[in-house]
């Protein structure tokens, strides 16, 4: 599960989206995405509970409303956005001012001595002031909304999870999977992902495995070609050969069935070696790569000349925390997502972000991301959808914590799609002002 609130660190851009099912599910990025999510889930679990010592979970500070041995969180906010190209068009762009009231709630509930139930949900409503036809009257559900039950049994850690979202904008505001949408201001879809993962921690040897079922469904007939159901599998094993170096093997795959475009049905699987380096308490790196197979398997494949093809995945991650005020990250990777206009979206990416706590209350977070994509049915195939394009996004945000309850944010984001088909490209500038209150 590789791979922004509007204070996008690289971890937010890639890993929060991944939990949403983006950026972020192993279905879409069968190897790289899952590897990165494994890194994040380890950190998240470490934040919330003392696994190795089998002590009761520690309630994170954000769950500040006491409830028994656990806690609740509740926050409300308002965003005001200006976007100069809401319909993602190459020419005749239309701008808009958008108001987005938001409500977020969550619960962190220890179960017994070492188990844990956690729930988070975020609701928002987009009100377009100029292009009112984009107002649906329906609230959206954040991609970060999920339910998790963490169970411990000896050396085993088991997580049962349900992640769900409903979004209408062509891209996640909180990161996640890239959708090659253009000439449209509304891309309504439901995403639901349910399953389980398990970790067997033998100290020097750690094994992870998981299975999830995912449904991606459009809201309406305009984009019903994206409707699909996926069975997702993943596993890895890492051995710590020294305190600094861990080596291992990774594998992931999925079976993908489409409701309306049956020749998109396929399975994909990949496997290869991985390497983790804990170079210091402040510098970590992870590398991996391997073989991947994408195989079409519908009864219509012969009619459209579809067979399958071999490809690869690769990634490198470097995370550096210079001090308590400054941290930055660099990720470089190649992956194969499930496309929406064609069955496969191959991409090569570079992302850099940093977080600078300029003062006790002020945090600055610039980021940069570049991707080179090919959305197609595989190399050499003609007569079906094929598009090659470059995609750039970058921006900066400033967050100010007035006190324990009030947070303010201002951000600027820029997007550029440069396609071989000029009319499919676009640029977009977005300015966001936001305020939130945590009860």
Protein backbone atom coordinates (compact mmCIF):
# COMPACT_ATOMS: atom_id res chain seq x y z
CA UNK A 1 0.00 0.00 0.00
CA UNK A 2 2.56 2.62 -1.10
CA UNK A 3 2.09 5.57 -1.47
CA UNK A 4 -2.93 15.68 1.92
CA UNK A 5 -4.56 17.16 4.75
CA UNK A 6 -3.32 20.51 3.61
CA UNK A 7 -0.13 20.10 5.60
CA UNK A 8 1.21 17.31 3.40
CA UNK A 9 4.28 15.54 4.62
CA UNK A 10 5.45 12.64 2.51
CA UNK A 11 4.18 10.23 5.12
CA UNK A 12 0.76 11.87 4.91
CA UNK A 13 0.74 11.90 1.11
CA UNK A 14 1.58 8.26 0.78
CA UNK A 15 0.68 6.43 3.89
CA UNK A 16 -2.58 7.98 5.02
CA UNK A 17 -3.80 7.50 1.54
CA UNK A 18 -2.78 3.94 1.70
CA UNK A 19 -4.84 3.26 4.77
CA UNK A 20 -7.82 4.68 2.87
CA UNK A 21 -7.63 2.04 0.23
CA UNK A 22 -5.03 5.42 -2.66
CA UNK A 23 -3.09 5.54 -2.73
CA UNK A 24 -3.74 4.09 -1.50
CA UNK A 25 -4.68 -0.16 -1.51
CA UNK A 26 -2.45 -3.08 -2.36
CA UNK A 27 -4.94 -3.79 -5.14
CA UNK A 28 -3.77 -0.77 -7.02
CA UNK A 29 -0.09 -0.87 -6.16
CA UNK A 30 0.44 -4.56 -5.60
CA UNK A 31 3.95 -4.46 -4.21
CA UNK A 32 5.38 -1.02 -3.57
CA UNK A 33 2.27 0.40 -1.95
CA UNK A 34 1.92 -2.51 0.44
CA UNK A 35 5.58 -2.38 1.47
CA UNK A 36 5.30 1.27 2.44
CA UNK A 37 2.08 0.70 4.32
CA UNK A 38 3.77 -2.03 6.32
CA UNK A 39 6.34 0.54 7.39
CA UNK A 40 3.62 2.97 8.44
CA UNK A 41 1.47 0.41 10.22
CA UNK A 42 4.43 -0.59 12.32
CA UNK A 43 4.89 2.99 13.44
CA UNK A 44 1.18 3.51 14.07
CA UNK A 45 0.91 0.40 16.20
CA UNK A 46 4.02 1.37 18.12
CA UNK A 47 2.45 4.76 18.82
CA UNK A 48 -0.73 3.28 20.19
CA UNK A 49 0.38 0.25 22.20
CA UNK A 50 3.38 -1.34 23.84
CA UNK A 51 3.41 -4.59 21.94
CA UNK A 52 6.62 -6.21 23.04
CA UNK A 53 6.04 -5.64 26.74
CA UNK A 54 2.37 -6.69 26.49
CA UNK A 55 1.37 -3.62 28.54
CA UNK A 56 -2.03 -1.92 28.23
CA UNK A 57 -2.35 0.42 25.20
CA UNK A 58 -1.40 4.04 25.80
CA UNK A 59 -4.14 6.43 24.65
CA UNK A 60 -2.72 8.86 22.03
CA UNK A 61 -3.05 12.52 22.96
CA UNK A 62 -5.45 13.23 20.09
CA UNK A 63 -8.12 11.12 21.83
CA UNK A 64 -8.43 13.76 24.52
CA UNK A 65 -11.98 13.08 25.81
CA UNK A 66 -11.66 10.42 28.51
CA UNK A 67 -13.86 7.34 28.16
CA UNK A 68 -13.06 4.59 30.65
CA UNK A 69 -9.54 3.31 29.93
CA UNK A 70 -9.67 4.84 26.43
CA UNK A 71 -10.65 8.10 24.83
CA UNK A 72 -12.69 9.91 22.22
CA UNK A 73 -11.83 12.70 19.82
CA UNK A 74 -14.18 15.19 18.21
CA UNK A 75 -13.29 18.12 15.98
CA UNK A 76 -15.08 20.47 13.62
CA UNK A 77 -13.67 22.75 10.97
CA UNK A 78 -14.24 24.89 7.93
CA UNK A 79 -12.18 25.16 4.76
CA UNK A 80 -12.43 27.91 2.18
CA UNK A 81 -10.87 27.03 -1.19
CA UNK A 82 -10.21 28.88 -4.39
CA UNK A 83 -9.56 26.65 -7.43
CA UNK A 84 -8.84 28.15 -10.84
CA UNK A 85 -9.74 25.03 -12.88
CA UNK A 86 -12.41 22.95 -11.17
CA UNK A 87 -13.24 20.92 -14.32
CA UNK A 88 -9.62 19.94 -15.10
CA UNK A 89 -9.81 21.22 -18.69
CA UNK A 90 -7.02 22.23 -21.04
CA UNK A 91 -8.86 25.31 -22.29
CA UNK A 92 -11.86 27.39 -21.24
CA UNK A 93 -11.12 26.82 -17.57
CA UNK A 94 -13.65 27.76 -14.91
CA UNK A 95 -12.77 28.80 -11.38
CA UNK A 96 -14.73 28.57 -8.16
CA UNK A 97 -14.84 29.36 -4.47
CA UNK A 98 -15.73 26.35 -2.33
CA UNK A 99 -16.79 26.13 1.31
CA UNK A 100 -16.16 22.81 3.07
CA UNK A 101 -17.54 22.31 6.61
CA UNK A 102 -16.06 19.23 8.25
CA UNK A 103 -16.69 16.99 11.25
CA UNK A 104 -14.29 14.34 12.54
CA UNK A 105 -14.82 11.84 15.33
CA UNK A 106 -12.94 8.86 16.68
CA UNK A 107 -12.63 6.40 19.53
CA UNK A 108 -9.69 4.53 21.05
CA UNK A 109 -10.93 1.73 23.29
CA UNK A 110 -8.69 -0.84 25.01
CA UNK A 111 -10.29 -4.29 25.17
CA UNK A 112 -8.95 -6.37 28.04
CA UNK A 113 -5.30 -5.83 28.95
CA UNK A 114 -3.59 -5.63 25.55
CA UNK A 115 -6.21 -5.62 22.77
CA UNK A 116 -7.56 -2.50 21.12
CA UNK A 117 -10.57 -1.22 19.17
CA UNK A 118 -10.07 2.00 17.19
CA UNK A 119 -12.58 3.90 15.06
CA UNK A 120 -12.23 7.11 13.01
CA UNK A 121 -14.66 8.82 10.66
CA UNK A 122 -14.55 12.14 8.84
CA UNK A 123 -17.50 13.88 7.16
CA UNK A 124 -17.41 16.91 4.87
CA UNK A 125 -19.66 18.79 2.48
CA UNK A 126 -18.49 20.71 -0.61
CA UNK A 127 -20.51 23.82 -1.49
CA UNK A 128 -19.50 25.34 -4.84
CA UNK A 129 -20.47 29.01 -4.98
CA UNK A 130 -20.23 29.53 -8.76
CA UNK A 131 -20.54 26.15 -10.48
CA UNK A 132 -23.55 25.10 -8.44
CA UNK A 133 -24.25 22.04 -10.60
CA UNK A 134 -21.33 20.40 -8.76
CA UNK A 135 -23.27 20.59 -5.49
CA UNK A 136 -24.61 17.10 -4.88
CA UNK A 137 -26.34 17.64 -1.56
CA UNK A 138 -24.50 14.57 -0.20
CA UNK A 139 -21.76 14.67 2.45
CA UNK A 140 -18.50 12.91 1.68
CA UNK A 141 -16.74 10.38 3.91
CA UNK A 142 -13.01 10.81 4.36
CA UNK A 143 -10.66 8.12 2.95
CA UNK A 144 -9.14 7.95 6.43
CA UNK A 145 -12.40 6.65 7.94
CA UNK A 146 -11.84 3.16 9.27
CA UNK A 147 -12.50 0.63 12.00
CA UNK A 148 -9.70 -1.55 13.39
CA UNK A 149 -9.60 -4.26 16.04
CA UNK A 150 -6.08 -5.20 17.19
CA UNK A 151 -5.74 -8.61 18.85
CA UNK A 152 -2.63 -10.01 20.58
CA UNK A 153 -1.98 -13.68 21.16
CA UNK A 154 1.54 -14.52 22.25
CA UNK A 155 3.92 -13.64 19.41
CA UNK A 156 0.99 -12.92 17.07
CA UNK A 157 -0.61 -9.55 16.36
CA UNK A 158 -3.82 -9.70 14.34
CA UNK A 159 -5.67 -6.69 12.90
CA UNK A 160 -9.24 -6.88 11.63
CA UNK A 161 -10.09 -3.79 9.61
CA UNK A 162 -12.82 -2.06 7.65
CA UNK A 163 -11.93 1.08 5.65
CA UNK A 164 -14.60 3.01 3.79
CA UNK A 165 -14.99 6.31 1.94
CA UNK A 166 -17.23 8.28 -0.39
CA UNK A 167 -15.54 11.01 -2.44
CA UNK A 168 -16.66 13.34 -5.24
CA UNK A 169 -13.55 15.32 -6.17
CA UNK A 170 -11.29 13.81 -8.89
CA UNK A 171 -8.52 13.31 -6.34
CA UNK A 172 -8.26 12.67 -2.63
CA UNK A 173 -7.61 15.78 -0.54
CA UNK A 174 -5.80 13.48 1.88
CA UNK A 175 -3.55 11.73 -0.61
CA UNK A 176 -4.20 8.32 -2.04
CA UNK A 177 -4.58 6.60 -5.37
CA UNK A 178 -4.13 8.71 -8.48
CA UNK A 179 -7.13 8.66 -10.83
CA UNK A 180 -6.52 9.80 -14.41
CA UNK A 181 -9.65 11.97 -14.57
CA UNK A 182 -9.88 15.01 -16.85
CA UNK A 183 -12.52 17.35 -18.29
CA UNK A 184 -14.69 16.77 -15.24
CA UNK A 185 -15.26 18.41 -11.87
CA UNK A 186 -17.10 15.51 -10.22
CA UNK A 187 -15.90 11.93 -9.88
CA UNK A 188 -18.18 10.33 -7.31
CA UNK A 189 -17.19 6.88 -6.04
CA UNK A 190 -17.43 4.58 -3.04
CA UNK A 191 -14.44 2.61 -1.82
CA UNK A 192 -14.74 -0.14 0.79
CA UNK A 193 -11.98 -2.44 1.99
CA UNK A 194 -12.40 -5.15 4.61
CA UNK A 195 -10.04 -7.88 5.74
CA UNK A 196 -7.38 -8.99 8.16
CA UNK A 197 -3.63 -8.90 8.58
CA UNK A 198 -1.36 -10.77 10.94
CA UNK A 199 2.19 -10.38 12.21
CA UNK A 200 4.28 -13.15 13.77
CA UNK A 201 7.09 -11.46 15.65
CA UNK A 202 9.95 -13.81 16.56
CA UNK A 203 12.20 -10.91 17.48
CA UNK A 204 14.90 -11.27 14.82
CA UNK A 205 12.46 -12.76 12.29
CA UNK A 206 9.15 -10.96 11.58
CA UNK A 207 6.52 -12.38 9.22
CA UNK A 208 3.51 -10.41 7.92
CA UNK A 209 0.54 -11.58 5.85
CA UNK A 210 -2.86 -10.21 4.95
CA UNK A 211 -6.03 -10.66 2.95
CA UNK A 212 -8.54 -7.93 2.04
CA UNK A 213 -11.61 -7.63 -0.15
CA UNK A 214 -12.06 -4.27 -1.90
CA UNK A 215 -14.99 -2.73 -3.78
CA UNK A 216 -14.64 0.44 -5.87
CA UNK A 217 -18.02 1.61 -7.17
CA UNK A 218 -19.10 4.73 -9.04
CA UNK A 219 -22.07 6.83 -7.96
CA UNK A 220 -24.02 7.04 -11.23
CA UNK A 221 -23.56 5.71 -14.74
CA UNK A 222 -21.05 8.24 -16.08
CA UNK A 223 -18.07 6.46 -14.54
CA UNK A 224 -19.53 2.99 -14.04
CA UNK A 225 -16.62 1.53 -16.04
CA UNK A 226 -14.52 1.81 -12.86
CA UNK A 227 -16.77 -0.57 -10.88
CA UNK A 228 -14.68 -3.50 -9.68
CA UNK A 229 -14.19 -6.04 -6.91
CA UNK A 230 -10.76 -7.25 -5.81
CA UNK A 231 -9.32 -10.00 -3.64
CA UNK A 232 -5.98 -8.83 -2.30
CA UNK A 233 -3.18 -10.92 -0.77
CA UNK A 234 0.19 -9.90 0.64
CA UNK A 235 3.05 -11.36 2.67
CA UNK A 236 6.62 -10.65 3.65
CA UNK A 237 9.32 -11.97 5.95
CA UNK A 238 12.29 -9.97 7.26
CA UNK A 239 15.28 -11.23 9.21
CA UNK A 240 17.41 -8.83 11.27
CA UNK A 241 20.95 -9.99 10.49
CA UNK A 242 22.45 -7.10 12.48
CA UNK A 243 20.93 -4.25 14.53
CA UNK A 244 21.27 -2.11 11.39
CA UNK A 245 20.34 -4.48 8.54
CA UNK A 246 17.22 -6.55 7.89
CA UNK A 247 16.82 -8.62 4.73
CA UNK A 248 13.72 -10.31 3.46
CA UNK A 249 11.30 -11.37 0.76
CA UNK A 250 8.03 -9.66 -0.25
CA UNK A 251 5.06 -10.80 -2.28
CA UNK A 252 1.64 -9.35 -3.13
CA UNK A 253 -1.12 -9.97 -5.64
CA UNK A 254 -4.79 -9.49 -6.44
CA UNK A 255 -7.68 -10.87 -8.48
CA UNK A 256 -9.71 -8.07 -10.06
CA UNK A 257 -13.20 -8.38 -11.55
CA UNK A 258 -15.00 -5.52 -13.35
CA UNK A 259 -18.78 -5.19 -13.55
CA UNK A 260 -19.14 -3.37 -16.88
CA UNK A 261 -15.82 -3.68 -18.73
CA UNK A 262 -15.27 -7.42 -18.53
CA UNK A 263 -12.12 -7.51 -20.65
CA UNK A 264 -10.44 -5.55 -17.84
CA UNK A 265 -10.66 -8.65 -15.61
CA UNK A 266 -7.18 -9.76 -14.61
CA UNK A 267 -4.91 -10.93 -11.85
CA UNK A 268 -1.56 -9.45 -10.90
CA UNK A 269 1.21 -10.73 -8.67
CA UNK A 270 4.72 -9.69 -7.78
CA UNK A 271 7.59 -10.86 -5.58
CA UNK A 272 11.14 -9.90 -4.81
CA UNK A 273 13.79 -9.14 -2.18
CA UNK A 274 13.70 -6.28 0.30
CA UNK A 275 16.23 -4.51 2.48
CA UNK A 276 15.70 -2.36 5.59
CA UNK A 277 18.45 -0.18 7.03
CA UNK A 278 18.28 1.51 10.41
CA UNK A 279 21.32 3.68 9.85
CA UNK A 280 20.79 5.65 13.06
CA UNK A 281 18.03 6.64 15.45
CA UNK A 282 17.24 9.46 13.00
CA UNK A 283 17.91 7.93 9.58
CA UNK A 284 16.05 4.96 8.06
CA UNK A 285 16.04 3.50 4.57
CA UNK A 286 14.17 0.75 2.77
CA UNK A 287 14.73 -0.72 -0.69
CA UNK A 288 13.05 -3.42 -2.72
CA UNK A 289 12.19 -4.59 -6.17
CA UNK A 290 11.16 -7.60 -8.14
CA UNK A 291 9.19 -9.30 -10.88
CA UNK A 292 5.53 -8.66 -11.55
CA UNK A 293 3.03 -10.43 -13.83
CA UNK A 294 -0.27 -8.95 -15.04
CA UNK A 295 -2.51 -11.54 -16.70
CA UNK A 296 -5.91 -10.93 -18.31
CA UNK A 297 -8.39 -13.72 -17.67
CA UNK A 298 -11.82 -12.91 -19.15
CA UNK A 299 -13.60 -14.72 -21.99
CA UNK A 300 -13.26 -11.56 -24.12
CA UNK A 301 -9.45 -11.44 -24.09
CA UNK A 302 -9.07 -13.17 -27.45
CA UNK A 303 -11.50 -10.74 -29.08
CA UNK A 304 -9.44 -7.74 -27.96
CA UNK A 305 -6.01 -9.33 -28.35
CA UNK A 306 -5.29 -9.30 -24.63
CA UNK A 307 -2.97 -11.81 -23.04
CA UNK A 308 -0.72 -10.54 -20.28
CA UNK A 309 2.71 -9.08 -19.78
CA UNK A 310 5.71 -9.10 -17.49
CA UNK A 311 6.85 -6.00 -15.69
CA UNK A 312 8.58 -4.99 -12.46
CA UNK A 313 8.27 -2.95 -9.29
CA UNK A 314 11.03 -1.11 -7.42
CA UNK A 315 11.26 1.38 -4.61
CA UNK A 316 13.69 3.27 -2.41
CA UNK A 317 12.74 5.22 0.71
CA UNK A 318 14.88 7.52 2.81
CA UNK A 319 13.51 9.19 5.95
CA UNK A 320 15.67 11.56 7.94
CA UNK A 321 14.82 13.36 11.17
CA UNK A 322 17.52 15.96 11.64
CA UNK A 323 16.18 17.14 15.00
CA UNK A 324 12.85 17.76 16.72
CA UNK A 325 12.28 20.77 14.46
CA UNK A 326 13.17 19.44 11.00
CA UNK A 327 12.51 16.17 9.17
CA UNK A 328 12.38 15.26 5.50
CA UNK A 329 11.77 12.27 3.25
CA UNK A 330 12.61 11.11 -0.25
CA UNK A 331 10.87 8.28 -2.11
CA UNK A 332 11.61 6.95 -5.60
CA UNK A 333 9.58 4.06 -7.02
CA UNK A 334 8.07 2.34 -10.03
CA UNK A 335 4.69 0.64 -9.77
CA UNK A 336 1.65 -0.67 -11.65
CA UNK A 337 -1.72 0.51 -10.41
CA UNK A 338 -5.12 -0.54 -11.66
CA UNK A 339 -6.17 2.15 -14.12
CA UNK A 340 -9.65 3.52 -14.73
CA UNK A 341 -9.45 4.25 -18.48
CA UNK A 342 -7.41 1.09 -19.11
CA UNK A 343 -6.56 -1.94 -16.99
CA UNK A 344 -3.07 -0.80 -15.99
CA UNK A 345 -1.47 2.48 -14.95
CA UNK A 346 2.32 2.13 -14.92
CA UNK A 347 4.16 4.92 -13.17
CA UNK A 348 7.63 6.07 -12.16
CA UNK A 349 7.66 8.56 -9.30
CA UNK A 350 9.84 10.88 -7.24
CA UNK A 351 8.50 12.55 -4.11
CA UNK A 352 10.22 14.83 -1.62
CA UNK A 353 8.72 16.53 1.42
CA UNK A 354 9.89 18.16 4.58
CA UNK A 355 8.39 19.38 7.81
CA UNK A 356 9.92 22.37 9.59
CA UNK A 357 8.66 23.41 12.99
CA UNK A 358 9.68 27.03 12.67
CA UNK A 359 8.33 27.96 16.10
CA UNK A 360 6.49 26.15 18.87
CA UNK A 361 3.18 26.98 17.16
CA UNK A 362 4.09 27.30 13.46
CA UNK A 363 4.91 24.40 11.11
CA UNK A 364 5.86 24.78 7.44
CA UNK A 365 5.51 21.81 5.06
CA UNK A 366 6.53 22.06 1.40
CA UNK A 367 6.35 19.04 -0.92
CA UNK A 368 7.15 18.07 -4.50
CA UNK A 369 5.99 15.09 -6.55
CA UNK A 370 6.72 14.07 -10.14
CA UNK A 371 5.32 11.03 -11.97
CA UNK A 372 5.64 9.65 -15.47
CA UNK A 373 2.61 7.51 -16.36
CA UNK A 374 1.45 5.17 -19.10
CA UNK A 375 -2.18 4.09 -18.86
CA UNK A 376 -2.76 1.18 -21.23
CA UNK A 377 -3.41 -2.55 -21.55
CA UNK A 378 0.28 -3.37 -21.81
CA UNK A 379 3.21 -2.75 -24.12
CA UNK A 380 2.61 -3.17 -27.83
CA UNK A 381 -1.19 -3.28 -27.70
CA UNK A 382 -3.05 -0.99 -30.11
CA UNK A 383 -6.70 -0.23 -30.68
CA UNK A 384 -7.49 0.20 -26.98
CA UNK A 385 -6.99 3.13 -24.63
CA UNK A 386 -3.38 4.24 -24.31
CA UNK A 387 -2.08 7.54 -22.93
CA UNK A 388 1.40 8.63 -21.85
CA UNK A 389 1.68 11.70 -19.64
CA UNK A 390 3.72 13.47 -16.98
CA UNK A 391 2.12 14.61 -13.75
CA UNK A 392 3.59 17.17 -11.40
CA UNK A 393 2.26 18.40 -8.09
CA UNK A 394 3.83 20.65 -5.52
CA UNK A 395 2.97 23.14 -2.86
CA UNK A 396 3.51 24.46 0.62
CA UNK A 397 1.38 24.77 3.73
CA UNK A 398 1.68 26.66 6.98
CA UNK A 399 -0.07 25.37 10.07
CA UNK A 400 -0.52 27.41 13.23
CA UNK A 401 -1.63 25.91 16.56
CA UNK A 402 -3.19 28.76 18.52
CA UNK A 403 -3.77 26.54 21.55
CA UNK A 404 -4.74 22.93 22.32
CA UNK A 405 -8.09 23.35 20.56
CA UNK A 406 -7.72 25.82 17.69
CA UNK A 407 -5.68 25.08 14.55
CA UNK A 408 -5.32 27.26 11.46
CA UNK A 409 -3.82 26.43 8.09
CA UNK A 410 -3.10 28.14 4.80
CA UNK A 411 -1.80 26.21 1.79
CA UNK A 412 -1.07 26.49 -1.91
CA UNK A 413 -1.12 23.48 -4.27
CA UNK A 414 -0.24 23.27 -7.97
CA UNK A 415 -1.02 20.41 -10.35
CA UNK A 416 0.10 19.95 -13.95
CA UNK A 417 -0.80 17.10 -16.29
CA UNK A 418 1.21 17.15 -19.53
CA UNK A 419 -0.30 14.55 -21.88
CA UNK A 420 0.71 13.38 -25.35
CA UNK A 421 -2.91 14.28 -26.21
CA UNK A 422 -3.00 18.02 -25.56
CA UNK A 423 -6.73 18.23 -24.81
CA UNK A 424 -6.34 15.68 -21.98
CA UNK A 425 -3.84 17.84 -20.08
CA UNK A 426 -4.50 20.62 -17.60
CA UNK A 427 -3.05 22.86 -14.91
CA UNK A 428 -4.68 23.72 -11.62
CA UNK A 429 -3.89 26.16 -8.82
CA UNK A 430 -5.55 25.85 -5.44
CA UNK A 431 -5.42 28.06 -2.34
CA UNK A 432 -6.90 26.83 0.93
CA UNK A 433 -7.68 28.56 4.20
CA UNK A 434 -8.75 26.28 7.05
CA UNK A 435 -9.68 26.49 10.70
CA UNK A 436 -10.51 23.62 13.05
CA UNK A 437 -11.52 23.22 16.67
CA UNK A 438 -10.86 20.09 18.70
CA UNK A 439 -13.31 19.63 21.55
